[in-house]
Each structure stands twice: as C-alpha cells, then as structure tokens.
Amino acid sequence: MRIETVGNTFLLFENQWRSEAYHFGDLVYRGSTGGSHVFGLEDDIKQRPHWELGFLGDPPPELKGLLPKLRQPMLSGVGMLIIAFLCLAIVYFGSSYV
C-alpha cells in the first residue's frame, strides 16, 4: 500500500485501486497493536469503508505532524482487571448484609 499526501489530505494506492481523498483531521489514534501504531477514521464520519492504517514503530517523520497525537489509553488491561476484582469484592461482601 502506498500513501500520497496532498496538503492536509491523503489517498491510498494499492495495485490498480485508488481510494478517495481523506482528511488527516478525520483520523483518530486507535492504539498500539503488535508494535504498530494504528489509526482509523473517526466513528461518526459518513459511511466510509472500514480500514485501519498502521505503522510498524513510529510513523514516518513526514507524516508525524499531520497524524493525530499518539496517546496511551486511560486504563490498561491491568487497570481494568483491578477494577473488575474490586467490583466483585463489593458485590460479594455487600451481599452478606442483605
């Protein structure tokens, strides 16, 4: 796949296929998957094909200023596990008083 930028828009090319123009401002950071930083279209964008754009390691320097900022999720998997155990403990110990 090849990306061609034109101002604040980009097009995707693959073999004989070319996408419509997308705005970098419509992209959101989806997180890190398998060492790749993944971006996709914002959920409320009009009906568009679902695709994700991933970069192994850091995004290329020429695109870094155009892409949304990389941000870590508020809660990691460990944080969610702790919250789940706390909820279970509250239900378990709270049910003995009913």
N, C-alpha and C. Protein backbone atom coordinates (compact mmCIF):
# COMPACT_ATOMS: atom_id res chain seq x y z
N MET A 1 0.85 -1.16 0.00
CA MET A 1 0.00 0.00 0.00
C MET A 1 0.90 1.23 0.00
N ARG A 2 0.48 2.24 -0.71
CA ARG A 2 1.22 3.49 -0.82
C ARG A 2 0.31 4.63 -0.41
N ILE A 3 0.87 5.61 0.30
CA ILE A 3 0.12 6.80 0.73
C ILE A 3 0.66 8.00 -0.03
N GLU A 4 -0.24 8.76 -0.61
CA GLU A 4 0.16 10.01 -1.28
C GLU A 4 -0.55 11.16 -0.57
N THR A 5 0.22 12.15 -0.13
CA THR A 5 -0.36 13.30 0.57
C THR A 5 -0.49 14.48 -0.38
N VAL A 6 -1.60 15.19 -0.22
CA VAL A 6 -1.86 16.41 -0.97
C VAL A 6 -2.40 17.42 0.05
N GLY A 7 -1.53 18.33 0.52
CA GLY A 7 -1.94 19.28 1.56
C GLY A 7 -2.27 18.55 2.84
N ASN A 8 -3.51 18.74 3.33
CA ASN A 8 -3.92 18.07 4.56
C ASN A 8 -4.82 16.87 4.27
N THR A 9 -4.73 16.35 3.04
CA THR A 9 -5.47 15.14 2.67
C THR A 9 -4.49 14.07 2.20
N PHE A 10 -5.00 12.85 2.10
CA PHE A 10 -4.17 11.76 1.61
C PHE A 10 -5.03 10.78 0.83
N LEU A 11 -4.38 10.05 -0.05
CA LEU A 11 -5.02 8.99 -0.83
C LEU A 11 -4.24 7.71 -0.62
N LEU A 12 -4.92 6.59 -0.68
CA LEU A 12 -4.29 5.28 -0.54
C LEU A 12 -4.27 4.61 -1.91
N PHE A 13 -3.15 4.02 -2.27
CA PHE A 13 -3.00 3.32 -3.54
C PHE A 13 -2.56 1.88 -3.29
N GLU A 14 -3.17 0.95 -4.02
CA GLU A 14 -2.75 -0.44 -3.96
C GLU A 14 -3.07 -1.09 -5.30
N ASN A 15 -2.06 -1.60 -5.97
CA ASN A 15 -2.18 -2.20 -7.30
C ASN A 15 -2.94 -1.26 -8.23
N GLN A 16 -4.11 -1.66 -8.70
CA GLN A 16 -4.90 -0.84 -9.63
C GLN A 16 -6.00 -0.06 -8.92
N TRP A 17 -5.99 -0.03 -7.60
CA TRP A 17 -7.04 0.62 -6.83
C TRP A 17 -6.54 1.92 -6.22
N ARG A 18 -7.41 2.95 -6.18
CA ARG A 18 -7.09 4.22 -5.54
C ARG A 18 -8.29 4.64 -4.70
N SER A 19 -8.04 5.08 -3.47
CA SER A 19 -9.12 5.49 -2.58
C SER A 19 -9.54 6.92 -2.90
N GLU A 20 -10.63 7.34 -2.28
CA GLU A 20 -11.00 8.75 -2.34
C GLU A 20 -10.07 9.51 -1.40
N ALA A 21 -10.13 10.82 -1.46
CA ALA A 21 -9.27 11.64 -0.58
C ALA A 21 -9.85 11.67 0.83
N TYR A 22 -8.98 11.50 1.82
CA TYR A 22 -9.36 11.57 3.23
C TYR A 22 -8.58 12.71 3.87
N HIS A 23 -9.18 13.35 4.86
CA HIS A 23 -8.52 14.43 5.61
C HIS A 23 -7.80 13.83 6.81
N PHE A 24 -6.57 14.31 7.06
CA PHE A 24 -5.84 13.85 8.24
C PHE A 24 -6.61 14.18 9.52
N GLY A 25 -7.38 15.26 9.51
CA GLY A 25 -8.16 15.65 10.68
C GLY A 25 -9.27 14.68 11.03
N ASP A 26 -9.65 13.80 10.07
CA ASP A 26 -10.69 12.80 10.32
C ASP A 26 -10.14 11.53 10.97
N LEU A 27 -8.81 11.44 11.09
CA LEU A 27 -8.20 10.25 11.68
C LEU A 27 -8.17 10.35 13.20
N VAL A 28 -8.29 9.21 13.84
CA VAL A 28 -8.12 9.11 15.29
C VAL A 28 -7.12 7.99 15.57
N TYR A 29 -6.42 8.13 16.67
CA TYR A 29 -5.47 7.11 17.09
C TYR A 29 -6.23 5.97 17.74
N ARG A 30 -6.09 4.76 17.22
CA ARG A 30 -6.80 3.59 17.74
C ARG A 30 -6.00 2.82 18.78
N GLY A 31 -4.71 3.09 18.89
CA GLY A 31 -3.89 2.40 19.87
C GLY A 31 -2.75 1.66 19.22
N SER A 32 -2.09 0.86 20.02
CA SER A 32 -0.94 0.09 19.55
C SER A 32 -1.33 -1.37 19.49
N THR A 33 -1.06 -2.01 18.36
CA THR A 33 -1.37 -3.42 18.18
C THR A 33 -0.16 -4.12 17.60
N GLY A 34 0.42 -5.04 18.33
CA GLY A 34 1.56 -5.80 17.84
C GLY A 34 2.76 -4.94 17.46
N GLY A 35 2.99 -3.87 18.18
CA GLY A 35 4.11 -2.99 17.89
C GLY A 35 3.83 -1.95 16.83
N SER A 36 2.61 -1.95 16.28
CA SER A 36 2.23 -0.96 15.27
C SER A 36 1.29 0.08 15.87
N HIS A 37 1.51 1.33 15.50
CA HIS A 37 0.57 2.39 15.87
C HIS A 37 -0.53 2.41 14.82
N VAL A 38 -1.79 2.29 15.27
CA VAL A 38 -2.92 2.13 14.36
C VAL A 38 -3.81 3.37 14.40
N PHE A 39 -4.17 3.84 13.21
CA PHE A 39 -5.07 4.98 13.04
C PHE A 39 -6.26 4.54 12.21
N GLY A 40 -7.40 5.19 12.41
CA GLY A 40 -8.59 4.90 11.62
C GLY A 40 -9.45 6.14 11.52
N LEU A 41 -10.52 6.04 10.75
CA LEU A 41 -11.43 7.17 10.63
C LEU A 41 -12.26 7.32 11.89
N GLU A 42 -12.60 8.55 12.23
CA GLU A 42 -13.45 8.82 13.38
C GLU A 42 -14.78 8.12 13.17
N ASP A 43 -15.39 7.63 14.23
CA ASP A 43 -16.59 6.80 14.12
C ASP A 43 -17.78 7.51 13.48
N ASP A 44 -17.93 8.81 13.69
CA ASP A 44 -19.12 9.49 13.16
C ASP A 44 -18.93 10.05 11.76
N ILE A 45 -17.86 9.69 11.10
CA ILE A 45 -17.66 10.10 9.70
C ILE A 45 -18.68 9.37 8.85
N LYS A 46 -19.20 10.07 7.83
CA LYS A 46 -20.22 9.45 6.97
C LYS A 46 -19.78 8.07 6.49
N GLN A 47 -20.71 7.33 5.93
CA GLN A 47 -20.45 5.95 5.53
C GLN A 47 -19.18 5.85 4.68
N ARG A 48 -18.19 5.24 5.25
CA ARG A 48 -16.92 5.02 4.54
C ARG A 48 -16.50 3.58 4.79
N PRO A 49 -15.67 3.05 3.93
CA PRO A 49 -15.19 1.69 4.19
C PRO A 49 -14.36 1.66 5.47
N HIS A 50 -14.46 0.56 6.21
CA HIS A 50 -13.69 0.42 7.45
C HIS A 50 -12.29 -0.06 7.10
N TRP A 51 -11.32 0.73 7.43
CA TRP A 51 -9.93 0.35 7.26
C TRP A 51 -9.12 0.97 8.38
N GLU A 52 -7.96 0.40 8.61
CA GLU A 52 -7.04 0.94 9.61
C GLU A 52 -5.68 1.11 8.97
N LEU A 53 -5.00 2.15 9.37
CA LEU A 53 -3.68 2.48 8.84
C LEU A 53 -2.68 2.26 9.97
N GLY A 54 -1.76 1.32 9.78
CA GLY A 54 -0.81 1.00 10.83
C GLY A 54 0.62 1.26 10.40
N PHE A 55 1.43 1.71 11.34
CA PHE A 55 2.86 1.95 11.11
C PHE A 55 3.65 1.13 12.10
N LEU A 56 4.52 0.27 11.62
CA LEU A 56 5.37 -0.50 12.49
C LEU A 56 6.39 0.44 13.11
N GLY A 57 6.40 0.53 14.41
CA GLY A 57 7.25 1.52 15.10
C GLY A 57 6.61 2.89 15.01
N ASP A 58 7.44 3.92 14.98
CA ASP A 58 6.92 5.29 14.89
C ASP A 58 6.50 5.61 13.47
N PRO A 59 5.47 6.46 13.31
CA PRO A 59 5.08 6.89 11.96
C PRO A 59 6.22 7.65 11.28
N PRO A 60 6.25 7.66 9.94
CA PRO A 60 7.31 8.38 9.23
C PRO A 60 7.33 9.86 9.62
N PRO A 61 8.52 10.46 9.69
CA PRO A 61 8.63 11.86 10.11
C PRO A 61 7.81 12.83 9.26
N GLU A 62 7.68 12.57 7.96
CA GLU A 62 6.91 13.48 7.10
C GLU A 62 5.41 13.42 7.37
N LEU A 63 4.93 12.35 8.02
CA LEU A 63 3.51 12.25 8.36
C LEU A 63 3.23 12.55 9.83
N LYS A 64 4.27 12.53 10.64
CA LYS A 64 4.10 12.69 12.10
C LYS A 64 3.35 13.96 12.48
N GLY A 65 3.63 15.08 11.80
CA GLY A 65 2.96 16.33 12.11
C GLY A 65 1.52 16.38 11.64
N LEU A 66 1.13 15.51 10.71
CA LEU A 66 -0.22 15.51 10.16
C LEU A 66 -1.15 14.53 10.88
N LEU A 67 -0.57 13.50 11.48
CA LEU A 67 -1.37 12.48 12.16
C LEU A 67 -1.77 12.95 13.56
N PRO A 68 -2.87 12.39 14.11
CA PRO A 68 -3.23 12.73 15.49
C PRO A 68 -2.13 12.29 16.46
N LYS A 69 -2.09 12.94 17.60
CA LYS A 69 -1.08 12.63 18.63
C LYS A 69 -1.30 11.21 19.16
N LEU A 70 -0.19 10.52 19.39
CA LEU A 70 -0.26 9.19 19.99
C LEU A 70 -0.56 9.36 21.47
N ARG A 71 -1.57 8.66 21.93
CA ARG A 71 -1.91 8.77 23.35
C ARG A 71 -2.17 7.37 23.90
N GLN A 72 -1.79 7.21 25.12
CA GLN A 72 -1.98 5.93 25.79
C GLN A 72 -3.40 5.84 26.31
N PRO A 73 -3.99 4.66 26.33
CA PRO A 73 -5.34 4.52 26.89
C PRO A 73 -5.34 4.87 28.37
N MET A 74 -6.48 5.39 28.85
CA MET A 74 -6.57 5.78 30.25
C MET A 74 -6.40 4.59 31.19
N LEU A 75 -6.97 3.47 30.81
CA LEU A 75 -6.85 2.27 31.65
C LEU A 75 -6.21 1.15 30.84
N SER A 76 -5.19 0.57 31.40
CA SER A 76 -4.55 -0.57 30.74
C SER A 76 -5.33 -1.83 31.09
N GLY A 77 -4.90 -2.95 30.56
CA GLY A 77 -5.54 -4.22 30.87
C GLY A 77 -5.44 -4.55 32.35
N VAL A 78 -4.32 -4.21 32.97
CA VAL A 78 -4.13 -4.46 34.40
C VAL A 78 -5.09 -3.58 35.21
N GLY A 79 -5.25 -2.34 34.80
CA GLY A 79 -6.17 -1.43 35.49
C GLY A 79 -7.61 -1.94 35.43
N MET A 80 -8.00 -2.45 34.27
CA MET A 80 -9.36 -2.99 34.13
C MET A 80 -9.54 -4.24 34.99
N LEU A 81 -8.50 -5.05 35.11
CA LEU A 81 -8.56 -6.25 35.94
C LEU A 81 -8.73 -5.87 37.41
N ILE A 82 -8.02 -4.87 37.87
CA ILE A 82 -8.15 -4.40 39.26
C ILE A 82 -9.56 -3.89 39.52
N ILE A 83 -10.11 -3.11 38.59
CA ILE A 83 -11.47 -2.60 38.75
C ILE A 83 -12.47 -3.74 38.80
N ALA A 84 -12.29 -4.77 37.94
CA ALA A 84 -13.19 -5.92 37.94
C ALA A 84 -13.16 -6.65 39.29
N PHE A 85 -11.96 -6.86 39.84
CA PHE A 85 -11.86 -7.53 41.14
C PHE A 85 -12.48 -6.68 42.25
N LEU A 86 -12.32 -5.37 42.19
CA LEU A 86 -12.95 -4.50 43.19
C LEU A 86 -14.46 -4.59 43.11
N CYS A 87 -15.00 -4.60 41.90
CA CYS A 87 -16.46 -4.73 41.75
C CYS A 87 -16.95 -6.06 42.28
N LEU A 88 -16.22 -7.13 42.00
CA LEU A 88 -16.60 -8.45 42.52
C LEU A 88 -16.55 -8.46 44.05
N ALA A 89 -15.53 -7.85 44.62
CA ALA A 89 -15.41 -7.81 46.08
C ALA A 89 -16.55 -7.02 46.70
N ILE A 90 -16.94 -5.92 46.10
CA ILE A 90 -18.05 -5.11 46.61
C ILE A 90 -19.34 -5.92 46.57
N VAL A 91 -19.61 -6.61 45.46
CA VAL A 91 -20.82 -7.42 45.35
C VAL A 91 -20.78 -8.57 46.34
N TYR A 92 -19.65 -9.25 46.47
CA TYR A 92 -19.53 -10.40 47.36
C TYR A 92 -19.71 -9.99 48.82
N PHE A 93 -18.97 -8.97 49.24
CA PHE A 93 -19.05 -8.58 50.66
C PHE A 93 -20.31 -7.77 50.96
N GLY A 94 -20.83 -7.09 49.96
CA GLY A 94 -22.05 -6.33 50.17
C GLY A 94 -23.29 -7.20 50.25
N SER A 95 -23.25 -8.37 49.59
CA SER A 95 -24.42 -9.26 49.58
C SER A 95 -24.63 -9.93 50.94
N SER A 96 -23.62 -10.00 51.78
CA SER A 96 -23.76 -10.64 53.08
C SER A 96 -24.59 -9.79 54.04
N TYR A 97 -24.75 -8.50 53.74
CA TYR A 97 -25.54 -7.61 54.60
C TYR A 97 -26.99 -7.54 54.18
N VAL A 98 -27.36 -8.14 53.08
CA VAL A 98 -28.76 -8.05 52.60
C VAL A 98 -29.56 -9.21 53.10
